[in-house]
Amino acid sequence: MQALSRQNSPEFWISQIFSAKAVQKGAVIRRSMAWIDREVGRDRFIGEVRRRGFRLVQTADQFIVICHSGSISIVF
């Protein structure tokens, strides 16, 4: 059985993720933690979210990035 390998560099994926229209509009992006670990690396991803001043939420096996630096609240 062949292991899954990285298709592009972490820098490529960081660029792709954070140049998406959703990011530019202050919306949200969602990625599985397994994908982040495999393609970018968790520490690198978290650092990039923090550097941009965004918010990061973990739910089950997903990371959700809130692409603005304003306050947030969980309603329920």
Protein backbone atom coordinates (compact mmCIF):
# COMPACT_ATOMS: atom_id res chain seq x y z
CA MET A 1 0.00 0.00 0.00
CA GLN A 2 1.44 3.36 -1.02
CA ALA A 3 1.38 6.20 1.49
CA LEU A 4 -0.34 9.42 0.53
CA SER A 5 2.20 12.01 -0.47
CA ARG A 6 2.14 15.75 -0.62
CA GLN A 7 1.08 17.02 -4.06
CA ASN A 8 2.41 20.57 -3.64
CA SER A 9 4.57 22.47 -1.18
CA PRO A 10 3.11 23.84 2.07
CA GLU A 11 3.78 27.35 0.74
CA PHE A 12 1.63 26.61 -2.32
CA TRP A 13 -1.30 25.47 -0.16
CA ILE A 14 -0.97 28.40 2.26
CA SER A 15 -1.08 30.75 -0.72
CA GLN A 16 -4.10 28.97 -2.22
CA ILE A 17 -6.06 28.82 1.03
CA PHE A 18 -5.53 32.43 2.07
CA SER A 19 -6.04 33.95 -1.37
CA ALA A 20 -9.54 32.45 -1.73
CA LYS A 21 -12.43 34.87 -2.28
CA ALA A 22 -13.97 33.79 1.04
CA VAL A 23 -10.87 35.00 2.88
CA GLN A 24 -10.88 38.32 1.08
CA LYS A 25 -14.56 38.85 1.96
CA GLY A 26 -14.07 38.06 5.64
CA ALA A 27 -16.02 34.79 5.46
CA VAL A 28 -14.94 31.36 6.72
CA ILE A 29 -12.87 28.51 5.33
CA ARG A 30 -12.97 24.91 6.50
CA ARG A 31 -10.36 22.17 6.16
CA SER A 32 -10.03 18.74 7.67
CA MET A 33 -7.31 18.40 10.27
CA ALA A 34 -5.96 15.36 8.41
CA TRP A 35 -5.54 17.44 5.24
CA ILE A 36 -3.83 20.25 7.18
CA ASP A 37 -1.47 17.78 8.83
CA ARG A 38 -0.62 16.13 5.51
CA GLU A 39 -0.34 19.13 3.19
CA VAL A 40 0.69 22.09 5.34
CA GLY A 41 1.49 20.98 8.87
CA ARG A 42 -0.61 21.94 11.86
CA ASP A 43 1.90 24.30 13.46
CA ARG A 44 2.48 26.11 10.16
CA PHE A 45 -1.26 26.46 9.54
CA ILE A 46 -2.02 27.72 13.05
CA GLY A 47 0.86 30.17 12.81
CA GLU A 48 -0.44 31.51 9.50
CA VAL A 49 -3.96 31.98 10.89
CA ARG A 50 -2.54 33.78 13.94
CA ARG A 51 -0.22 35.96 11.82
CA ARG A 52 -3.22 37.18 9.81
CA GLY A 53 -5.20 38.01 12.96
CA PHE A 54 -7.95 35.52 12.11
CA ARG A 55 -9.81 33.20 14.51
CA LEU A 56 -9.45 29.41 14.46
CA VAL A 57 -12.13 27.00 15.69
CA GLN A 58 -11.71 23.25 15.97
CA THR A 59 -14.77 21.04 15.74
CA ALA A 60 -14.59 17.26 15.48
CA ASP A 61 -11.97 16.65 12.76
CA GLN A 62 -12.25 20.08 11.12
CA PHE A 63 -10.58 23.46 11.45
CA ILE A 64 -12.76 26.46 10.72
CA VAL A 65 -11.01 29.76 10.08
CA ILE A 66 -13.02 32.92 10.64
CA CYS A 67 -11.34 35.32 8.24
CA HIS A 68 -11.59 38.58 10.15
CA SER A 69 -10.20 39.90 13.38
CA GLY A 70 -13.46 41.11 14.88
CA SER A 71 -15.03 39.64 17.97
CA ILE A 72 -17.03 36.40 17.78
CA SER A 73 -19.50 34.69 20.06
CA ILE A 74 -21.00 31.22 20.11
CA VAL A 75 -24.78 31.65 20.13
CA PHE A 76 -25.66 28.02 20.99
